[in-house]
Every structure is written in C-alpha cells, then in structure tokens.
C-alpha cells in the first residue's frame, strides 16, 4: 500500500507572507508560503504536569501513546486508560489517565522537561536517568536491501506536510517487503517517531513484521525509542552517531 500525496490544504499548516530570495538572480519578491503549525503541548499524567513539548498539532493521541511508551511511563497500550487533548490558555493540553499501579509508580517521577522542538534528553536530572530499553531477544527478522530501497523511494510521496512546507520530519513503518504502511510527520524528529510508535501501538502492530524509517539523523534517542517498541530495524537518511550504533 502506498499512501497518496495530499495536494490540498492541511490542518497542521498555515500560510504567511514571506520575502523570497532567488539566489540565481538576486531578485527579491513577496509571496505566500505554507508553514508547519507548531504549538506547546503540556502532557499530564493523573492531572500532574509531566512535560511540555513543542509539536505539530496533529495525531496527538498517537503522540500520547508513543511518548508514554518511549518515556517508560507504560510498558504496553493497555496501561493507558484514556487520552484527552484539549485547548489550554497558551497552547494545548494532553491529559493521560494510567492504570492505578502505573500512576502511583510515576507520580514521583516528574521530568522537568520544557521541550524545544523535538527535544530529546533535555530535562533528565543525571546520567542514571538516561533511557535504556531492554535488549530484544532472538534473531532480528531479515530485511533485504531491495526492500529498504523500495521504502525509501516511496517516502517523498508519503509526506504531504513536508511536500507543502519543506520544514518537517517524518517517521514511517514499512513491511519487511518495503511497502510503507504508516507515516507520521512533525516539526520535531523525536515527536514524529513517537507519533508513529503510538499509532502502531493503537493498531496492535507486530514490531517484528516491519521496520522503521526516519528522515532525520540517527541519534541515540531514536534508537532507544525503536527499542522500546521492540522493533529490530531502523533505517535513517543519515549515518548514526557512535552512541546510537
């Protein structure tokens, strides 16, 4: 299945006037340009604020599920009872209700995270708080180079918001044969991956039957997020950092 490109206006984009510079001629003109929307999102568990992230305001329920898993707040989707996204005075608020045993264990763990766009590890208190997903067991399912090539060739047509704005990241899930099944976009690279993971959780997707693709650099935090989902293969458009490897 290949997602179709959306040529119409998107709810997570806006238009604004901008000066356009043509570097080949030096001419300057004024034009309307599509910009990705960006909003502060307060994440609260059991009514207690936990983090504020700058996000593209779309697929926020997916983001809530993915963020909760990759932050270690839950180990599976069944531990999230309800997600409510609502307007707040200066942005948006995402209220997440956990099962009681999870909520009691995490009320003391308030991450002082005021997130820049796609913030990764800012807000942790010490090195002991670095995320560390459990090592997957068994052999990873094989992914052929041709399958990766096929998925990468489909990525451009699967990113309608970036097609419109040229200013956002994407994370995609592909089958082992290289068919792209799901894509999420966001101004933050971590957010895009959290949205993708959350969408996969809500669909009960099997992490062993596909691989993830990110359009950003391959850093340690992205590997940790994929490991938390229990997926085995991450494809990136850039080389990994030493710690990511």
Protein backbone atom coordinates (compact mmCIF):
# COMPACT_ATOMS: atom_id res chain seq x y z
CA UNK A 1 0.00 0.00 0.00
CA UNK A 2 1.38 3.41 -0.96
CA UNK A 3 -0.07 6.46 0.84
CA UNK A 4 -1.37 9.04 -1.59
CA UNK A 5 0.02 12.57 -1.58
CA UNK A 6 -2.39 15.18 -0.30
CA UNK A 7 -2.28 18.23 -2.55
CA UNK A 8 -4.97 20.17 -0.69
CA UNK A 9 -4.59 22.42 2.38
CA UNK A 10 -3.61 20.63 5.58
CA UNK A 11 -4.96 21.47 9.05
CA UNK A 12 -1.45 21.34 10.50
CA UNK A 13 -0.13 24.04 8.15
CA UNK A 14 -0.77 27.75 7.76
CA UNK A 15 0.08 30.38 5.15
CA UNK A 16 2.06 33.52 5.81
CA UNK A 17 3.64 36.27 3.74
CA UNK A 18 7.39 35.94 3.28
CA UNK A 19 10.23 37.53 1.37
CA UNK A 20 11.54 35.12 -1.27
CA UNK A 21 15.13 35.50 -2.45
CA UNK A 22 16.17 33.98 -5.79
CA UNK A 23 19.85 33.20 -5.36
CA UNK A 24 20.45 32.71 -9.09
CA UNK A 25 19.29 36.26 -9.95
CA UNK A 26 19.35 38.07 -6.61
CA UNK A 27 15.73 39.16 -7.09
CA UNK A 28 13.58 39.58 -4.00
CA UNK A 29 9.81 39.16 -4.13
CA UNK A 30 6.94 38.76 -1.67
CA UNK A 31 4.95 35.54 -1.74
CA UNK A 32 2.65 33.40 0.36
CA UNK A 33 4.36 30.40 1.87
CA UNK A 34 2.96 27.40 3.73
CA UNK A 35 4.43 26.95 7.21
CA UNK A 36 4.02 23.97 9.55
CA UNK A 37 1.98 24.69 12.66
CA UNK A 38 3.84 24.43 15.97
CA UNK A 39 2.18 24.51 19.40
CA UNK A 40 3.27 23.90 23.00
CA UNK A 41 1.67 20.71 24.34
CA UNK A 42 1.51 20.09 28.09
CA UNK A 43 1.50 16.39 28.92
CA UNK A 44 -0.06 15.48 32.27
CA UNK A 45 -0.47 12.11 33.97
CA UNK A 46 -3.21 11.84 36.57
CA UNK A 47 -3.63 15.61 36.47
CA UNK A 48 0.05 16.23 37.28
CA UNK A 49 2.07 18.07 34.58
CA UNK A 50 5.00 15.98 33.33
CA UNK A 51 6.41 17.69 30.23
CA UNK A 52 5.85 20.48 27.74
CA UNK A 53 6.77 19.67 24.15
CA UNK A 54 6.67 21.78 21.01
CA UNK A 55 4.70 19.74 18.47
CA UNK A 56 2.83 19.87 15.20
CA UNK A 57 -0.80 19.70 16.45
CA UNK A 58 -1.85 16.58 14.55
CA UNK A 59 -2.11 12.90 15.56
CA UNK A 60 -1.73 13.92 19.20
CA UNK A 61 -3.39 10.79 20.59
CA UNK A 62 -0.80 8.75 18.70
CA UNK A 63 1.87 11.01 20.22
CA UNK A 64 0.48 10.43 23.73
CA UNK A 65 0.71 6.66 23.36
CA UNK A 66 4.17 6.70 21.77
CA UNK A 67 5.61 9.26 24.19
CA UNK A 68 4.27 7.31 27.18
CA UNK A 69 5.91 4.11 25.97
CA UNK A 70 9.27 5.59 24.98
CA UNK A 71 9.47 7.64 28.20
CA UNK A 72 8.92 4.47 30.25
CA UNK A 73 5.61 5.64 31.69
CA UNK A 74 3.94 2.45 30.41
CA UNK A 75 5.08 -0.89 29.06
CA UNK A 76 2.07 -1.54 26.83
CA UNK A 77 -1.03 0.22 25.48
CA UNK A 78 -3.33 -1.49 28.00
CA UNK A 79 -1.79 0.60 30.80
CA UNK A 80 -3.25 3.77 29.24
CA UNK A 81 -6.91 4.12 30.19
CA UNK A 82 -7.77 7.35 28.39
CA UNK A 83 -6.21 10.25 26.45
CA UNK A 84 -7.86 13.67 26.22
CA UNK A 85 -6.46 16.52 24.13
CA UNK A 86 -7.96 19.93 24.93
CA UNK A 87 -7.22 23.62 24.40
CA UNK A 88 -5.23 25.39 27.11
CA UNK A 89 -4.52 29.06 27.77
CA UNK A 90 -1.23 29.19 25.86
CA UNK A 91 -1.40 26.04 23.78
CA UNK A 92 -2.76 22.52 24.14
CA UNK A 93 -3.02 20.05 26.99
CA UNK A 94 -2.87 16.26 26.77
CA UNK A 95 -4.35 14.55 29.84
CA UNK A 96 -3.35 10.89 30.06
CA UNK A 97 -5.01 8.53 32.55
CA UNK A 98 -2.99 5.47 33.52
CA UNK A 99 -4.00 2.31 35.36
CA UNK A 100 -3.61 2.89 39.13
CA UNK A 101 -0.48 0.77 39.61
CA UNK A 102 1.35 2.71 36.87
CA UNK A 103 0.15 6.10 38.06
CA UNK A 104 1.28 5.56 41.65
CA UNK A 105 4.71 4.48 40.48
CA UNK A 106 5.26 7.58 38.36
CA UNK A 107 3.75 10.49 40.27
CA UNK A 108 7.12 11.00 41.96
CA UNK A 109 8.93 10.97 38.61
CA UNK A 110 8.26 14.46 37.32
CA UNK A 111 10.56 15.12 34.40
CA UNK A 112 11.43 18.82 34.31
CA UNK A 113 11.14 18.82 30.56
CA UNK A 114 10.32 22.03 28.77
CA UNK A 115 10.86 20.83 25.26
CA UNK A 116 12.40 22.67 22.42
CA UNK A 117 11.22 21.37 19.06
CA UNK A 118 11.76 17.62 19.11
CA UNK A 119 13.66 17.73 22.42
CA UNK A 120 15.48 14.51 23.18
CA UNK A 121 17.27 14.17 26.53
CA UNK A 122 16.93 17.69 27.93
CA UNK A 123 15.26 17.65 31.32
CA UNK A 124 16.77 14.48 32.79
CA UNK A 125 18.46 15.03 36.14
CA UNK A 126 21.53 12.81 35.90
CA UNK A 127 23.29 10.15 33.85
CA UNK A 128 21.44 7.40 35.72
CA UNK A 129 18.24 8.74 34.15
CA UNK A 130 19.39 8.03 30.59
CA UNK A 131 16.83 5.83 28.82
CA UNK A 132 17.87 2.22 28.46
CA UNK A 133 15.47 -0.09 26.65
CA UNK A 134 15.67 -3.82 27.26
CA UNK A 135 17.74 -5.68 24.69
CA UNK A 136 15.50 -7.58 22.25
CA UNK A 137 15.76 -11.36 22.29
CA UNK A 138 16.34 -13.67 19.35
CA UNK A 139 17.38 -13.01 15.80
CA UNK A 140 16.08 -9.92 14.04
CA UNK A 141 13.87 -10.63 11.00
CA UNK A 142 15.91 -10.18 7.82
CA UNK A 143 15.31 -7.04 5.76
CA UNK A 144 16.59 -7.10 2.17
CA UNK A 145 18.44 -4.12 0.73
CA UNK A 146 15.88 -4.02 -2.10
CA UNK A 147 13.07 -3.68 0.47
CA UNK A 148 14.85 -0.72 2.09
CA UNK A 149 15.46 0.85 -1.33
CA UNK A 150 11.78 0.42 -2.23
CA UNK A 151 10.60 2.02 1.00
CA UNK A 152 12.96 4.97 0.70
CA UNK A 153 11.81 5.58 -2.88
CA UNK A 154 8.22 5.85 -1.60
CA UNK A 155 8.96 8.29 1.22
CA UNK A 156 8.62 11.53 -0.72
CA UNK A 157 5.07 10.75 -1.84
CA UNK A 158 4.17 9.74 1.73
CA UNK A 159 4.92 13.16 3.32
CA UNK A 160 2.13 15.61 2.43
CA UNK A 161 3.02 18.19 5.09
CA UNK A 162 6.68 18.27 4.13
CA UNK A 163 5.70 18.40 0.47
CA UNK A 164 3.79 21.58 1.31
CA UNK A 165 6.23 23.22 3.74
CA UNK A 166 9.69 21.58 3.36
CA UNK A 167 10.09 22.04 7.11
CA UNK A 168 9.09 18.86 8.97
CA UNK A 169 10.43 15.41 9.76
CA UNK A 170 8.73 12.09 9.06
CA UNK A 171 8.79 8.62 10.56
CA UNK A 172 7.39 5.68 8.62
CA UNK A 173 6.65 2.00 9.16
CA UNK A 174 7.22 -0.41 6.30
CA UNK A 175 6.58 -4.11 5.86
CA UNK A 176 9.55 -6.43 5.55
CA UNK A 177 8.95 -6.29 1.78
CA UNK A 178 9.36 -2.48 1.77
CA UNK A 179 5.71 -1.38 1.47
CA UNK A 180 5.10 1.78 3.52
CA UNK A 181 2.08 1.24 5.75
CA UNK A 182 2.02 4.26 8.05
CA UNK A 183 3.64 7.72 8.19
CA UNK A 184 3.60 10.46 10.81
CA UNK A 185 5.04 13.98 10.42
CA UNK A 186 6.07 16.63 12.93
CA UNK A 187 8.35 19.63 13.33
CA UNK A 188 10.30 17.53 15.83
CA UNK A 189 12.12 14.38 14.78
CA UNK A 190 11.52 12.70 18.14
CA UNK A 191 7.85 13.67 18.01
CA UNK A 192 7.38 12.16 14.56
CA UNK A 193 8.78 8.85 15.78
CA UNK A 194 6.68 8.93 18.96
CA UNK A 195 3.59 9.56 16.84
CA UNK A 196 4.45 6.63 14.61
CA UNK A 197 5.08 4.29 17.56
CA UNK A 198 1.85 5.41 19.21
CA UNK A 199 -0.14 4.77 16.04
CA UNK A 200 1.39 1.30 15.77
CA UNK A 201 0.57 0.56 19.41
CA UNK A 202 -3.05 1.58 18.94
CA UNK A 203 -3.28 -0.72 15.91
CA UNK A 204 -1.73 -3.67 17.78
CA UNK A 205 1.02 -3.81 15.14
CA UNK A 206 3.60 -6.57 15.43
CA UNK A 207 7.05 -4.92 15.84
CA UNK A 208 8.68 -7.98 14.31
CA UNK A 209 6.88 -7.66 10.97
CA UNK A 210 8.34 -4.43 9.67
CA UNK A 211 10.96 -1.73 10.03
CA UNK A 212 11.02 1.99 10.80
CA UNK A 213 12.36 4.83 8.65
CA UNK A 214 13.26 8.31 9.89
CA UNK A 215 14.15 11.33 7.76
CA UNK A 216 16.48 12.78 10.39
CA UNK A 217 19.92 11.97 11.72
CA UNK A 218 20.17 8.67 13.56
CA UNK A 219 20.87 9.59 17.19
CA UNK A 220 20.90 7.60 20.43
CA UNK A 221 17.39 8.68 21.50
CA UNK A 222 15.77 7.45 18.28
CA UNK A 223 17.37 4.03 18.66
CA UNK A 224 16.10 3.88 22.25
CA UNK A 225 12.56 4.71 21.13
CA UNK A 226 12.58 1.97 18.49
CA UNK A 227 13.98 -0.50 21.04
CA UNK A 228 11.21 0.42 23.50
CA UNK A 229 8.70 -0.53 20.81
CA UNK A 230 10.64 -3.82 20.38
CA UNK A 231 11.27 -3.25 16.67
CA UNK A 232 14.57 -4.54 15.33
CA UNK A 233 15.47 -2.40 12.31
CA UNK A 234 15.75 1.38 11.99
CA UNK A 235 16.57 2.99 8.64
CA UNK A 236 17.81 6.59 8.65
CA UNK A 237 18.76 9.00 5.89
CA UNK A 238 22.00 9.76 7.75
CA UNK A 239 24.75 7.80 9.40
CA UNK A 240 24.35 7.00 13.11
CA UNK A 241 26.25 8.67 15.92
CA UNK A 242 28.69 6.48 17.83
CA UNK A 243 26.33 6.07 20.78
CA UNK A 244 23.40 5.26 18.53
CA UNK A 245 25.41 2.48 16.94
